Protein backbone atom coordinates (compact mmCIF):
# COMPACT_ATOMS: atom_id res chain seq x y z
CA MET A 1 22.79 9.99 -2.08
CA ILE A 2 19.16 8.98 -2.44
CA ARG A 3 17.30 9.91 0.76
CA VAL A 4 14.86 7.16 1.76
CA PHE A 5 12.10 7.15 4.38
CA LEU A 6 11.27 3.58 5.46
CA ALA A 7 7.98 2.57 7.11
CA ASP A 8 7.34 -0.99 8.30
CA ASP A 9 5.86 -2.29 11.54
CA HIS A 10 8.52 -4.99 11.97
CA ALA A 11 11.83 -3.77 13.42
CA VAL A 12 13.83 -6.64 11.91
CA VAL A 13 12.49 -5.77 8.45
CA ARG A 14 13.33 -2.08 8.86
CA ARG A 15 16.87 -2.87 9.99
CA GLY A 16 17.41 -5.39 7.22
CA ILE A 17 16.21 -3.06 4.47
CA GLN A 18 18.17 -0.13 5.90
CA SER A 19 21.35 -2.21 5.94
CA LEU A 20 20.70 -3.42 2.39
CA LEU A 21 20.12 0.07 1.01
CA GLU A 22 23.03 1.72 2.77
CA THR A 23 25.50 -0.94 1.62
CA THR A 24 24.92 0.28 -1.94
CA GLY A 25 26.80 3.47 -1.09
CA GLU A 26 24.21 5.52 -2.97
CA MET A 27 21.25 5.46 -0.57
CA THR A 28 20.72 6.64 2.99
CA VAL A 29 17.71 5.98 5.22
CA ILE A 30 17.02 9.36 6.82
CA ALA A 31 14.00 8.20 8.86
CA THR A 32 12.05 5.10 9.84
CA ALA A 33 8.56 4.60 11.21
CA SER A 34 6.72 1.65 12.72
CA ASP A 35 3.16 2.91 12.09
CA GLY A 36 1.28 5.16 9.71
CA ARG A 37 0.80 8.02 12.11
CA GLU A 38 4.57 8.31 12.63
CA VAL A 39 5.02 8.68 8.88
CA LEU A 40 2.45 11.44 8.56
CA GLN A 41 3.76 13.35 11.59
CA SER A 42 7.46 13.12 10.74
CA PRO A 43 9.14 16.41 9.75
CA LEU A 44 11.57 14.35 7.63
CA LEU A 45 8.84 13.15 5.27
CA ALA A 46 9.21 16.25 3.10
CA ALA A 47 13.00 15.81 3.04
CA CYS A 48 13.09 12.30 1.58
CA GLU A 49 13.28 11.42 -2.10
CA VAL A 50 11.55 8.02 -1.89
CA LEU A 51 9.08 6.69 0.67
CA VAL A 52 9.16 2.90 1.08
CA LEU A 53 5.84 2.01 2.67
CA ASP A 54 4.42 -1.22 4.06
CA LEU A 55 0.71 -1.63 3.33
CA SER A 56 -0.25 -3.26 6.65
CA LEU A 57 0.72 -0.55 9.13
CA PRO A 58 -0.98 -0.09 12.52
CA ARG A 59 -2.76 3.09 13.65
CA VAL A 60 -3.04 4.47 10.11
CA SER A 61 -3.00 1.95 7.25
CA GLY A 62 -0.52 2.10 4.42
CA SER A 63 -3.24 2.82 1.88
CA GLU A 64 -4.43 5.81 3.94
CA VAL A 65 -0.85 7.04 4.33
CA LEU A 66 -0.48 6.81 0.55
CA ARG A 67 -3.65 8.84 0.04
CA GLN A 68 -2.57 11.58 2.43
CA VAL A 69 1.02 11.72 1.21
CA HIS A 70 -0.14 11.91 -2.40
CA ALA A 71 -2.43 14.83 -1.47
CA ARG A 72 0.20 16.71 0.56
CA LEU A 73 3.37 15.87 -1.38
CA PRO A 74 2.28 14.81 -4.88
CA ALA A 75 5.86 14.86 -6.21
CA LEU A 76 7.12 12.39 -3.57
CA PRO A 77 7.32 8.87 -5.08
CA VAL A 78 5.93 6.11 -2.88
CA LEU A 79 7.07 2.50 -3.20
CA ILE A 80 4.63 0.06 -1.63
CA LEU A 81 6.47 -2.98 -0.23
CA SER A 82 3.93 -5.52 0.97
CA MET A 83 3.19 -9.16 1.71
CA TYR A 84 0.09 -8.90 -0.49
CA PRO A 85 0.35 -10.27 -4.07
CA GLU A 86 1.34 -7.76 -6.74
CA ASP A 87 -1.24 -8.96 -9.24
CA GLN A 88 -4.08 -8.43 -6.75
CA HIS A 89 -3.28 -5.04 -5.20
CA GLY A 90 -0.57 -3.50 -7.37
CA LEU A 91 -2.61 -1.92 -10.14
CA HIS A 92 -5.18 -0.49 -7.74
CA LEU A 93 -2.52 1.23 -5.62
CA LEU A 94 -0.65 2.50 -8.66
CA ARG A 95 -3.90 4.12 -9.77
CA GLU A 96 -4.18 5.68 -6.31
CA GLY A 97 -0.78 7.36 -6.57
CA ALA A 98 1.93 4.80 -5.75
CA ALA A 99 4.96 4.92 -8.08
CA ALA A 100 5.83 1.25 -7.54
CA TYR A 101 4.44 -1.86 -5.85
CA LEU A 102 6.65 -4.80 -4.86
CA SER A 103 5.73 -7.88 -2.88
CA LYS A 104 8.16 -8.83 -0.12
CA ASP A 105 9.22 -11.98 -1.94
CA ARG A 106 10.99 -9.89 -4.60
CA SER A 107 14.79 -9.94 -4.63
CA PRO A 108 16.91 -7.29 -2.85
CA GLU A 109 18.31 -6.32 -6.24
CA GLU A 110 14.86 -5.53 -7.58
CA LEU A 111 14.03 -3.37 -4.55
CA ILE A 112 17.24 -1.39 -5.13
CA ALA A 113 16.46 -1.06 -8.84
CA ALA A 114 12.95 0.19 -8.07
CA ILE A 115 14.21 2.84 -5.64
CA ARG A 116 16.76 4.03 -8.20
CA ALA A 117 14.02 4.33 -10.82
CA LEU A 118 11.74 6.32 -8.48
CA ALA A 119 14.60 8.66 -7.54
CA ARG A 120 15.06 9.36 -11.27
CA GLY A 121 11.41 10.38 -11.50
CA GLU A 122 10.24 7.16 -13.15
CA ARG A 123 7.60 4.63 -12.16
CA TYR A 124 8.57 1.00 -11.67
CA LEU A 125 6.38 -1.85 -12.89
CA THR A 126 7.21 -5.46 -12.09
CA ASP A 127 6.66 -8.08 -14.76
CA LEU A 128 3.54 -9.32 -12.94
CA ILE A 129 1.92 -5.89 -12.75
CA ALA A 130 2.82 -5.01 -16.34
CA GLY A 131 1.35 -8.32 -17.49
CA LYS A 132 -1.84 -7.79 -15.50
CA ALA A 133 -2.21 -4.28 -16.90
CA LEU A 134 -2.08 -5.67 -20.45
CA HIS A 135 -4.43 -8.54 -19.60
CA ASP A 136 -6.97 -6.31 -17.85
CA HIS A 137 -6.99 -3.94 -20.80
CA ASP A 138 -8.71 -6.68 -22.80
CA ARG A 139 -11.27 -7.86 -20.27
CA ALA A 140 -13.46 -6.74 -17.42
CA GLY A 141 -11.66 -6.96 -14.09
CA PRO A 142 -12.82 -8.95 -11.05
CA PRO A 143 -15.52 -7.45 -8.79
CA HIS A 144 -13.08 -5.99 -6.21
CA GLU A 145 -11.55 -3.77 -8.89
CA ARG A 146 -14.86 -1.90 -9.05
CA LEU A 147 -14.41 -0.68 -5.48
CA THR A 148 -13.69 3.00 -4.98
CA ALA A 149 -10.43 4.03 -3.28
CA ARG A 150 -12.20 4.48 0.06
CA GLU A 151 -14.10 1.19 -0.27
CA HIS A 152 -10.83 -0.57 -1.05
CA GLN A 153 -9.30 0.87 2.14
CA VAL A 154 -12.26 -0.26 4.22
CA PHE A 155 -12.25 -3.70 2.57
CA LEU A 156 -8.56 -4.28 3.39
CA LEU A 157 -9.12 -3.29 7.01
CA ILE A 158 -12.25 -5.43 7.35
CA ILE A 159 -10.46 -8.56 6.14
CA GLN A 160 -7.71 -7.82 8.67
CA GLY A 161 -10.35 -8.15 11.40
CA ARG A 162 -10.89 -4.47 12.24
CA THR A 163 -14.29 -3.38 13.53
CA VAL A 164 -16.36 -0.56 12.04
CA ALA A 165 -15.50 1.64 15.03
CA GLU A 166 -11.77 0.94 14.67
CA ILE A 167 -11.85 1.70 10.94
CA ALA A 168 -13.79 4.92 11.54
CA ALA A 169 -11.18 6.07 14.08
CA GLU A 170 -8.25 5.16 11.81
CA LEU A 171 -9.65 6.85 8.71
CA ASP A 172 -11.16 9.78 10.64
CA LEU A 173 -14.69 8.98 9.44
CA HIS A 174 -18.07 8.64 11.09
CA SER A 175 -19.08 5.07 11.87
CA SER A 176 -22.16 5.57 9.72
CA THR A 177 -19.95 6.40 6.74
CA VAL A 178 -17.90 3.25 7.24
CA SER A 179 -21.09 1.20 7.60
CA ASN A 180 -22.35 2.64 4.32
CA ASN A 181 -19.03 1.81 2.65
CA LEU A 182 -19.36 -1.73 3.99
CA ARG A 183 -22.85 -2.07 2.51
CA GLN A 184 -21.55 -0.91 -0.87
CA ILE A 185 -18.63 -3.36 -0.67
CA LYS A 186 -20.95 -6.28 0.10
CA ALA A 187 -23.22 -5.31 -2.78
CA LYS A 188 -20.36 -5.04 -5.28
CA LEU A 189 -18.76 -8.32 -4.16
CA GLY A 190 -22.03 -10.22 -3.81
CA ALA A 191 -21.46 -10.90 -0.10
CA CYS A 192 -24.09 -11.00 2.63
CA SER A 193 -21.82 -11.16 5.67
CA LEU A 194 -18.33 -10.34 6.92
CA GLY A 195 -17.51 -14.04 6.72
CA GLU A 196 -18.37 -14.03 3.02
CA LEU A 197 -16.16 -10.97 2.48
CA VAL A 198 -13.25 -12.77 4.12
CA GLY A 199 -13.99 -15.83 2.00
CA TYR A 200 -13.97 -13.70 -1.15
CA ALA A 201 -10.63 -12.18 -0.12
CA HIS A 202 -9.08 -15.63 0.30
CA ARG A 203 -10.44 -16.93 -3.00
CA ALA A 204 -9.17 -13.84 -4.83
CA GLY A 205 -5.76 -14.05 -3.17
CA LEU A 206 -6.25 -10.74 -1.37
CA ALA A 207 -5.78 -11.95 2.20
CA GLY A 208 -2.30 -12.17 3.65
């Protein structure tokens, strides 16, 4: 049996995915979490074989959970399951340590196939992500792909409406550090205000 840890902030989604996986007869959900802090504090994290992780978690964001899990348990494969488009966030998060990235509009069969692949020690690339990887190999990427991992985290939280103080608390950073990250993000994206950052996110298809 493939042992799965499932993290999503919507109870109906957790129950639906758990039911789907367990009806295969080859997977069992050994733990669930509704926020990022629950994932990081769970003693069952080290016992699972695949972590299925929503990107938009409260308390500690999915991208920060990914960073910490990758540092603590580098052999644990993480499947990001998110409402955000694969071709906008997928490659970045794969570079940051995720083993797979699926948007929530993918079929149940593809989710099951991805978990099977991760349990075998493989990565799983959707057709969209594989195509983008080939396309980006031949051209310079859009401005947001020049953001560092930390800047990308801050950017995602900013466009979700979080304040500098809230981001600092969530990422365990000083407010001055977050403010500096924000200045760098604005410079790289050519934005002068938070409103322009949000506008960029919508134009680039990054906002949910």
